[in-house]
């Protein structure tokens, strides 16, 4: 897994994304930019449309507006490599599959019983090391804690190395230590691979410590900018009353 410090992508522009379900407006004219080497946290109250926005960016649901990608020299890119980590992975926890075999199968699409080239195994080991999970390679998938599973899914999302990494509440239900380790992992990825990362999160304290930018939404953009700017805004105080950061 080669490092991608010069990935070629400069910024991602989300342009007037709107989503309707029948007569209900789920998102209205959402526009913002994502930049390489930055972690943007997507926050808002329950039902604000955060996951809907991620699904629109991924092209999984019908929407108006578009997403454009721009290179360092100002040219429009037709497509970029996107990695995605969902909230959880639904699988049979009794299945005797190791973390290594799970990642190898994801890369080759072949049954886990087949022998793998040493070079491919080495790539999997490197991906696990990149997210602080090298020690998990031989563990059974069903034995992992929530935090360990999320780091394995993050390692899976690194093949091929993405220019845009999308994380949908990746530490939901994970304990404090596991959450902190996950945030540290994505901070390292942002620095080492210069990728753009957008992540839905409800943990406002961890967002404050690790995010570069924050996007506060409630079906539309309420506030967007640096962490301190958003957290000190009237829109933030209105959304999170009751001393969420105290």
C-alpha atoms as a PDB file:
ATOM      1  CA  UNK A   1       0.000   0.000   0.000  1.00  0.00           C
ATOM      2  CA  UNK A   2       1.973   2.939  -1.278  1.00  0.00           C
ATOM      3  CA  UNK A   3       1.733   6.284   0.383  1.00  0.00           C
ATOM      4  CA  UNK A   4      -0.191   8.912  -1.555  1.00  0.00           C
ATOM      5  CA  UNK A   5       1.170  12.217  -0.367  1.00  0.00           C
ATOM      6  CA  UNK A   6       0.793  13.655  -3.883  1.00  0.00           C
ATOM      7  CA  UNK A   7      -2.631  12.228  -4.659  1.00  0.00           C
ATOM      8  CA  UNK A   8      -3.441  14.802  -7.344  1.00  0.00           C
ATOM      9  CA  UNK A   9      -6.768  15.755  -5.798  1.00  0.00           C
ATOM     10  CA  UNK A  10      -7.060  19.263  -4.387  1.00  0.00           C
ATOM     11  CA  UNK A  11     -10.667  19.650  -3.305  1.00  0.00           C
ATOM     12  CA  UNK A  12     -14.118  18.120  -3.429  1.00  0.00           C
ATOM     13  CA  UNK A  13     -17.072  20.440  -3.985  1.00  0.00           C
ATOM     14  CA  UNK A  14     -20.540  19.391  -2.863  1.00  0.00           C
ATOM     15  CA  UNK A  15     -22.911  21.559  -4.872  1.00  0.00           C
ATOM     16  CA  UNK A  16     -26.526  22.168  -3.816  1.00  0.00           C
ATOM     17  CA  UNK A  17     -27.350  18.611  -2.788  1.00  0.00           C
ATOM     18  CA  UNK A  18     -31.061  18.179  -2.115  1.00  0.00           C
ATOM     19  CA  UNK A  19     -32.891  14.951  -1.261  1.00  0.00           C
ATOM     20  CA  UNK A  20     -36.643  14.394  -1.086  1.00  0.00           C
ATOM     21  CA  UNK A  21     -38.658  11.396   0.061  1.00  0.00           C
ATOM     22  CA  UNK A  22     -42.187  11.891  -1.160  1.00  0.00           C
ATOM     23  CA  UNK A  23     -43.204  15.314   0.120  1.00  0.00           C
ATOM     24  CA  UNK A  24     -40.540  15.314   2.858  1.00  0.00           C
ATOM     25  CA  UNK A  25     -37.374  17.331   2.277  1.00  0.00           C
ATOM     26  CA  UNK A  26     -34.463  15.394   3.805  1.00  0.00           C
ATOM     27  CA  UNK A  27     -31.747  17.782   2.575  1.00  0.00           C
ATOM     28  CA  UNK A  28     -32.027  21.240   1.076  1.00  0.00           C
ATOM     29  CA  UNK A  29     -29.298  22.867  -1.056  1.00  0.00           C
ATOM     30  CA  UNK A  30     -26.322  21.554   0.926  1.00  0.00           C
ATOM     31  CA  UNK A  31     -23.034  22.990  -0.371  1.00  0.00           C
ATOM     32  CA  UNK A  32     -19.523  22.834   1.086  1.00  0.00           C
ATOM     33  CA  UNK A  33     -15.945  21.919   0.204  1.00  0.00           C
ATOM     34  CA  UNK A  34     -13.628  19.160   1.392  1.00  0.00           C
ATOM     35  CA  UNK A  35      -9.862  19.495   1.085  1.00  0.00           C
ATOM     36  CA  UNK A  36      -7.116  16.883   0.981  1.00  0.00           C
ATOM     37  CA  UNK A  37      -5.256  16.371   4.209  1.00  0.00           C
ATOM     38  CA  UNK A  38      -8.235  17.537   6.273  1.00  0.00           C
ATOM     39  CA  UNK A  39     -10.686  15.738   8.534  1.00  0.00           C
ATOM     40  CA  UNK A  40     -14.166  17.232   8.311  1.00  0.00           C
ATOM     41  CA  UNK A  41     -16.633  16.172  11.009  1.00  0.00           C
ATOM     42  CA  UNK A  42     -20.307  16.137  10.071  1.00  0.00           C
ATOM     43  CA  UNK A  43     -22.453  16.874  13.138  1.00  0.00           C
ATOM     44  CA  UNK A  44     -26.091  17.589  13.909  1.00  0.00           C
ATOM     45  CA  UNK A  45     -29.054  16.391  15.928  1.00  0.00           C
ATOM     46  CA  UNK A  46     -30.670  13.014  15.254  1.00  0.00           C
ATOM     47  CA  UNK A  47     -32.610  13.126  12.003  1.00  0.00           C
ATOM     48  CA  UNK A  48     -30.597  16.057  10.648  1.00  0.00           C
ATOM     49  CA  UNK A  49     -29.745  14.192   7.442  1.00  0.00           C
ATOM     50  CA  UNK A  50     -26.092  13.317   8.096  1.00  0.00           C
ATOM     51  CA  UNK A  51     -26.194   9.745   6.802  1.00  0.00           C
ATOM     52  CA  UNK A  52     -28.472  10.835   3.967  1.00  0.00           C
ATOM     53  CA  UNK A  53     -25.815  13.336   2.903  1.00  0.00           C
ATOM     54  CA  UNK A  54     -23.113  10.667   2.917  1.00  0.00           C
ATOM     55  CA  UNK A  55     -25.297   8.358   0.822  1.00  0.00           C
ATOM     56  CA  UNK A  56     -25.909  11.170  -1.666  1.00  0.00           C
ATOM     57  CA  UNK A  57     -22.154  11.816  -1.967  1.00  0.00           C
ATOM     58  CA  UNK A  58     -21.642   8.088  -2.529  1.00  0.00           C
ATOM     59  CA  UNK A  59     -24.348   8.101  -5.214  1.00  0.00           C
ATOM     60  CA  UNK A  60     -26.478   5.558  -3.357  1.00  0.00           C
ATOM     61  CA  UNK A  61     -29.690   7.609  -3.349  1.00  0.00           C
ATOM     62  CA  UNK A  62     -31.426   9.892  -5.821  1.00  0.00           C
ATOM     63  CA  UNK A  63     -30.627  13.564  -5.315  1.00  0.00           C
ATOM     64  CA  UNK A  64     -30.365  16.860  -7.106  1.00  0.00           C
ATOM     65  CA  UNK A  65     -27.111  18.807  -7.197  1.00  0.00           C
ATOM     66  CA  UNK A  66     -23.738  17.181  -7.741  1.00  0.00           C
ATOM     67  CA  UNK A  67     -20.265  16.484  -6.412  1.00  0.00           C
ATOM     68  CA  UNK A  68     -17.219  17.656  -8.358  1.00  0.00           C
ATOM     69  CA  UNK A  69     -13.532  16.901  -7.904  1.00  0.00           C
ATOM     70  CA  UNK A  70     -10.735  19.330  -8.683  1.00  0.00           C
ATOM     71  CA  UNK A  71      -7.033  18.649  -9.145  1.00  0.00           C
ATOM     72  CA  UNK A  72      -4.172  20.783  -7.866  1.00  0.00           C
ATOM     73  CA  UNK A  73      -3.881  22.502 -11.244  1.00  0.00           C
ATOM     74  CA  UNK A  74      -7.577  23.443 -11.314  1.00  0.00           C
ATOM     75  CA  UNK A  75      -8.728  20.709 -13.694  1.00  0.00           C
ATOM     76  CA  UNK A  76     -11.949  18.784 -13.106  1.00  0.00           C
ATOM     77  CA  UNK A  77     -11.463  15.086 -12.330  1.00  0.00           C
ATOM     78  CA  UNK A  78     -14.100  12.695 -13.613  1.00  0.00           C
ATOM     79  CA  UNK A  79     -13.814  10.361 -10.627  1.00  0.00           C
ATOM     80  CA  UNK A  80     -11.756   9.657  -7.527  1.00  0.00           C
ATOM     81  CA  UNK A  81     -11.157   6.601  -5.375  1.00  0.00           C
ATOM     82  CA  UNK A  82     -13.526   6.533  -2.402  1.00  0.00           C
ATOM     83  CA  UNK A  83     -13.214   4.409   0.731  1.00  0.00           C
ATOM     84  CA  UNK A  84     -16.233   3.841   2.985  1.00  0.00           C
ATOM     85  CA  UNK A  85     -16.607   2.593   6.560  1.00  0.00           C
ATOM     86  CA  UNK A  86     -20.237   2.034   7.684  1.00  0.00           C
ATOM     87  CA  UNK A  87     -21.530   2.135  11.251  1.00  0.00           C
ATOM     88  CA  UNK A  88     -21.250  -1.650  11.614  1.00  0.00           C
ATOM     89  CA  UNK A  89     -20.691  -4.839   9.628  1.00  0.00           C
ATOM     90  CA  UNK A  90     -23.500  -7.396   9.749  1.00  0.00           C
ATOM     91  CA  UNK A  91     -21.993 -10.899   9.648  1.00  0.00           C
ATOM     92  CA  UNK A  92     -22.198 -14.290  11.327  1.00  0.00           C
ATOM     93  CA  UNK A  93     -19.881 -13.938  14.323  1.00  0.00           C
ATOM     94  CA  UNK A  94     -19.524 -17.734  14.585  1.00  0.00           C
ATOM     95  CA  UNK A  95     -17.851 -17.944  11.162  1.00  0.00           C
ATOM     96  CA  UNK A  96     -14.223 -19.126  11.679  1.00  0.00           C
ATOM     97  CA  UNK A  97     -12.641 -16.436   9.489  1.00  0.00           C
ATOM     98  CA  UNK A  98      -9.534 -14.587  10.580  1.00  0.00           C
ATOM     99  CA  UNK A  99      -9.009 -10.880  10.117  1.00  0.00           C
ATOM    100  CA  UNK A 100      -6.250 -11.632   7.607  1.00  0.00           C
ATOM    101  CA  UNK A 101      -8.508 -13.917   5.548  1.00  0.00           C
ATOM    102  CA  UNK A 102     -11.354 -11.386   5.672  1.00  0.00           C
ATOM    103  CA  UNK A 103      -9.141  -8.644   4.233  1.00  0.00           C
ATOM    104  CA  UNK A 104      -7.583 -10.953   1.653  1.00  0.00           C
ATOM    105  CA  UNK A 105     -10.996 -12.109   0.475  1.00  0.00           C
ATOM    106  CA  UNK A 106     -12.098  -8.495   0.151  1.00  0.00           C
ATOM    107  CA  UNK A 107      -9.111  -7.750  -2.081  1.00  0.00           C
ATOM    108  CA  UNK A 108      -9.322 -10.810  -4.319  1.00  0.00           C
ATOM    109  CA  UNK A 109     -12.990 -11.838  -4.178  1.00  0.00           C
ATOM    110  CA  UNK A 110     -11.811 -15.444  -3.903  1.00  0.00           C
ATOM    111  CA  UNK A 111     -12.663 -18.066  -1.230  1.00  0.00           C
ATOM    112  CA  UNK A 112     -10.631 -17.855   1.961  1.00  0.00           C
ATOM    113  CA  UNK A 113      -9.390 -21.452   1.543  1.00  0.00           C
ATOM    114  CA  UNK A 114      -7.110 -20.529  -1.378  1.00  0.00           C
ATOM    115  CA  UNK A 115      -3.421 -19.804  -0.846  1.00  0.00           C
ATOM    116  CA  UNK A 116      -2.449 -16.149  -1.224  1.00  0.00           C
ATOM    117  CA  UNK A 117       0.736 -14.635  -2.662  1.00  0.00           C
ATOM    118  CA  UNK A 118       3.163 -13.482   0.023  1.00  0.00           C
ATOM    119  CA  UNK A 119       3.163  -9.975  -1.449  1.00  0.00           C
ATOM    120  CA  UNK A 120      -0.609  -9.693  -1.008  1.00  0.00           C
ATOM    121  CA  UNK A 121      -0.401 -10.954   2.560  1.00  0.00           C
ATOM    122  CA  UNK A 122       2.282  -8.355   3.237  1.00  0.00           C
ATOM    123  CA  UNK A 123      -0.008  -5.611   1.892  1.00  0.00           C
ATOM    124  CA  UNK A 124      -2.758  -6.705   4.287  1.00  0.00           C
ATOM    125  CA  UNK A 125      -0.347  -6.669   7.202  1.00  0.00           C
ATOM    126  CA  UNK A 126       0.757  -3.155   6.220  1.00  0.00           C
ATOM    127  CA  UNK A 127      -2.861  -1.945   6.019  1.00  0.00           C
ATOM    128  CA  UNK A 128      -3.533  -3.280   9.521  1.00  0.00           C
ATOM    129  CA  UNK A 129      -0.375  -1.632  10.821  1.00  0.00           C
ATOM    130  CA  UNK A 130      -1.460   1.671   9.275  1.00  0.00           C
ATOM    131  CA  UNK A 131      -4.556   1.701  11.498  1.00  0.00           C
ATOM    132  CA  UNK A 132      -2.828   0.388  14.621  1.00  0.00           C
ATOM    133  CA  UNK A 133      -4.256  -3.104  14.308  1.00  0.00           C
ATOM    134  CA  UNK A 134      -1.281  -5.267  13.289  1.00  0.00           C
ATOM    135  CA  UNK A 135      -1.824  -7.547  16.285  1.00  0.00           C
ATOM    136  CA  UNK A 136      -5.308  -8.492  15.055  1.00  0.00           C
ATOM    137  CA  UNK A 137      -4.272 -10.290  11.855  1.00  0.00           C
ATOM    138  CA  UNK A 138      -4.694 -13.831  13.226  1.00  0.00           C
ATOM    139  CA  UNK A 139      -7.730 -13.132  15.423  1.00  0.00           C
ATOM    140  CA  UNK A 140     -11.123 -14.479  14.449  1.00  0.00           C
ATOM    141  CA  UNK A 141     -13.418 -11.780  13.139  1.00  0.00           C
ATOM    142  CA  UNK A 142     -16.203 -12.754  15.535  1.00  0.00           C
ATOM    143  CA  UNK A 143     -13.933 -12.318  18.568  1.00  0.00           C
ATOM    144  CA  UNK A 144     -13.208  -8.649  17.962  1.00  0.00           C
ATOM    145  CA  UNK A 145     -14.514  -5.833  20.124  1.00  0.00           C
ATOM    146  CA  UNK A 146     -16.442  -2.990  18.514  1.00  0.00           C
ATOM    147  CA  UNK A 147     -13.382  -0.750  18.377  1.00  0.00           C
ATOM    148  CA  UNK A 148     -11.193  -3.511  16.941  1.00  0.00           C
ATOM    149  CA  UNK A 149     -13.787  -4.312  14.276  1.00  0.00           C
ATOM    150  CA  UNK A 150     -13.953  -0.678  13.196  1.00  0.00           C
ATOM    151  CA  UNK A 151     -10.183  -0.526  12.765  1.00  0.00           C
ATOM    152  CA  UNK A 152     -10.302  -3.680  10.644  1.00  0.00           C
ATOM    153  CA  UNK A 153     -13.041  -2.133   8.491  1.00  0.00           C
ATOM    154  CA  UNK A 154     -10.902   0.972   8.193  1.00  0.00           C
ATOM    155  CA  UNK A 155      -7.999  -1.176   6.983  1.00  0.00           C
ATOM    156  CA  UNK A 156     -10.355  -2.731   4.420  1.00  0.00           C
ATOM    157  CA  UNK A 157     -11.337   0.738   3.156  1.00  0.00           C
ATOM    158  CA  UNK A 158      -7.672   1.522   2.418  1.00  0.00           C
ATOM    159  CA  UNK A 159      -7.577  -0.770  -0.634  1.00  0.00           C
ATOM    160  CA  UNK A 160      -7.063   0.836  -2.996  1.00  0.00           C
ATOM    161  CA  UNK A 161      -5.791   3.894  -1.105  1.00  0.00           C
ATOM    162  CA  UNK A 162      -8.702   6.357  -1.330  1.00  0.00           C
ATOM    163  CA  UNK A 163      -8.536  10.036  -2.095  1.00  0.00           C
ATOM    164  CA  UNK A 164     -11.804  10.473  -0.196  1.00  0.00           C
ATOM    165  CA  UNK A 165     -12.558   8.444   2.937  1.00  0.00           C
ATOM    166  CA  UNK A 166     -16.160   8.474   4.209  1.00  0.00           C
ATOM    167  CA  UNK A 167     -16.942   7.296   7.750  1.00  0.00           C
ATOM    168  CA  UNK A 168     -20.518   6.959   9.013  1.00  0.00           C
ATOM    169  CA  UNK A 169     -20.497   7.052  12.829  1.00  0.00           C
ATOM    170  CA  UNK A 170     -17.591   4.578  12.912  1.00  0.00           C
ATOM    171  CA  UNK A 171     -17.288   4.601  16.712  1.00  0.00           C
ATOM    172  CA  UNK A 172     -20.977   4.326  17.563  1.00  0.00           C
ATOM    173  CA  UNK A 173     -21.222   1.956  20.528  1.00  0.00           C
ATOM    174  CA  UNK A 174     -17.429   1.778  20.922  1.00  0.00           C
ATOM    175  CA  UNK A 175     -15.923   2.505  24.352  1.00  0.00           C
ATOM    176  CA  UNK A 176     -13.918   5.661  25.069  1.00  0.00           C
ATOM    177  CA  UNK A 177     -10.505   4.029  24.620  1.00  0.00           C
ATOM    178  CA  UNK A 178     -11.537   2.387  21.362  1.00  0.00           C
ATOM    179  CA  UNK A 179     -12.961   5.668  20.068  1.00  0.00           C
ATOM    180  CA  UNK A 180      -9.776   7.554  20.884  1.00  0.00           C
ATOM    181  CA  UNK A 181      -7.620   4.945  19.172  1.00  0.00           C
ATOM    182  CA  UNK A 182      -9.826   5.080  16.080  1.00  0.00           C
ATOM    183  CA  UNK A 183      -9.563   8.874  15.889  1.00  0.00           C
ATOM    184  CA  UNK A 184      -5.801   8.651  16.290  1.00  0.00           C
ATOM    185  CA  UNK A 185      -5.700   6.158  13.406  1.00  0.00           C
ATOM    186  CA  UNK A 186      -7.606   8.398  11.009  1.00  0.00           C
ATOM    187  CA  UNK A 187      -5.509  11.382  12.059  1.00  0.00           C
ATOM    188  CA  UNK A 188      -2.420   9.438  11.022  1.00  0.00           C
ATOM    189  CA  UNK A 189      -4.046   8.462   7.717  1.00  0.00           C
ATOM    190  CA  UNK A 190      -4.907  12.085   7.004  1.00  0.00           C
ATOM    191  CA  UNK A 191      -1.299  13.089   7.621  1.00  0.00           C
ATOM    192  CA  UNK A 192       0.479  10.181   5.936  1.00  0.00           C
ATOM    193  CA  UNK A 193      -1.731   9.726   2.863  1.00  0.00           C
ATOM    194  CA  UNK A 194      -3.029  13.290   2.437  1.00  0.00           C
ATOM    195  CA  UNK A 195      -6.567  12.024   1.876  1.00  0.00           C
ATOM    196  CA  UNK A 196      -9.757  13.969   2.459  1.00  0.00           C
ATOM    197  CA  UNK A 197     -11.819  12.476   5.290  1.00  0.00           C
ATOM    198  CA  UNK A 198     -15.446  13.233   6.123  1.00  0.00           C
ATOM    199  CA  UNK A 199     -16.980  11.573   9.171  1.00  0.00           C
ATOM    200  CA  UNK A 200     -20.320  11.611  10.940  1.00  0.00           C
ATOM    201  CA  UNK A 201     -19.801  11.804  14.697  1.00  0.00           C
ATOM    202  CA  UNK A 202     -21.855  12.425  17.836  1.00  0.00           C
ATOM    203  CA  UNK A 203     -18.817  12.701  20.113  1.00  0.00           C
ATOM    204  CA  UNK A 204     -18.327  16.458  20.256  1.00  0.00           C
ATOM    205  CA  UNK A 205     -15.291  16.229  22.522  1.00  0.00           C
ATOM    206  CA  UNK A 206     -13.385  13.944  20.153  1.00  0.00           C
ATOM    207  CA  UNK A 207     -14.412  16.108  17.208  1.00  0.00           C
ATOM    208  CA  UNK A 208     -12.985  19.149  18.976  1.00  0.00           C
ATOM    209  CA  UNK A 209      -9.647  17.379  19.540  1.00  0.00           C
ATOM    210  CA  UNK A 210      -9.186  15.828  16.108  1.00  0.00           C
ATOM    211  CA  UNK A 211     -11.215  17.560  13.376  1.00  0.00           C
ATOM    212  CA  UNK A 212      -9.881  20.300  11.110  1.00  0.00           C
ATOM    213  CA  UNK A 213     -13.300  21.474   9.937  1.00  0.00           C
ATOM    214  CA  UNK A 214     -16.853  20.970  11.171  1.00  0.00           C
ATOM    215  CA  UNK A 215     -20.070  20.956   9.159  1.00  0.00           C
ATOM    216  CA  UNK A 216     -23.198  21.472  11.279  1.00  0.00           C
ATOM    217  CA  UNK A 217     -26.407  20.563   9.462  1.00  0.00           C
ATOM    218  CA  UNK A 218     -30.089  20.146  10.082  1.00  0.00           C
ATOM    219  CA  UNK A 219     -31.404  19.295   6.625  1.00  0.00           C
ATOM    220  CA  UNK A 220     -29.404  22.288   5.426  1.00  0.00           C
ATOM    221  CA  UNK A 221     -26.031  23.783   6.317  1.00  0.00           C
ATOM    222  CA  UNK A 222     -26.281  25.708   9.593  1.00  0.00           C
ATOM    223  CA  UNK A 223     -22.588  26.479  10.069  1.00  0.00           C
ATOM    224  CA  UNK A 224     -19.313  25.387   8.467  1.00  0.00           C
ATOM    225  CA  UNK A 225     -15.720  26.219   9.304  1.00  0.00           C
ATOM    226  CA  UNK A 226     -12.938  25.645  11.802  1.00  0.00           C
ATOM    227  CA  UNK A 227     -13.832  23.796  15.002  1.00  0.00           C
ATOM    228  CA  UNK A 228     -13.641  26.839  17.278  1.00  0.00           C
ATOM    229  CA  UNK A 229     -15.695  28.938  14.872  1.00  0.00           C
ATOM    230  CA  UNK A 230     -18.519  26.389  14.649  1.00  0.00           C
ATOM    231  CA  UNK A 231     -18.494  25.498  18.353  1.00  0.00           C
ATOM    232  CA  UNK A 232     -18.781  29.160  19.352  1.00  0.00           C
ATOM    233  CA  UNK A 233     -21.606  29.881  16.905  1.00  0.00           C
ATOM    234  CA  UNK A 234     -25.208  30.650  17.816  1.00  0.00           C
ATOM    235  CA  UNK A 235     -26.307  27.787  15.543  1.00  0.00           C
ATOM    236  CA  UNK A 236     -24.218  25.300  17.519  1.00  0.00           C
ATOM    237  CA  UNK A 237     -25.527  26.510  20.877  1.00  0.00           C
ATOM    238  CA  UNK A 238     -29.094  26.282  19.593  1.00  0.00           C
ATOM    239  CA  UNK A 239     -28.576  22.740  18.260  1.00  0.00           C
ATOM    240  CA  UNK A 240     -26.802  21.416  21.346  1.00  0.00           C
ATOM    241  CA  UNK A 241     -28.370  23.074  24.323  1.00  0.00           C
ATOM    242  CA  UNK A 242     -27.688  21.787  27.829  1.00  0.00           C
ATOM    243  CA  UNK A 243     -23.910  22.175  27.979  1.00  0.00           C
ATOM    244  CA  UNK A 244     -22.881  19.431  25.572  1.00  0.00           C
ATOM    245  CA  UNK A 245     -19.218  20.403  25.878  1.00  0.00           C
ATOM    246  CA  UNK A 246     -19.041  21.046  29.602  1.00  0.00           C
END
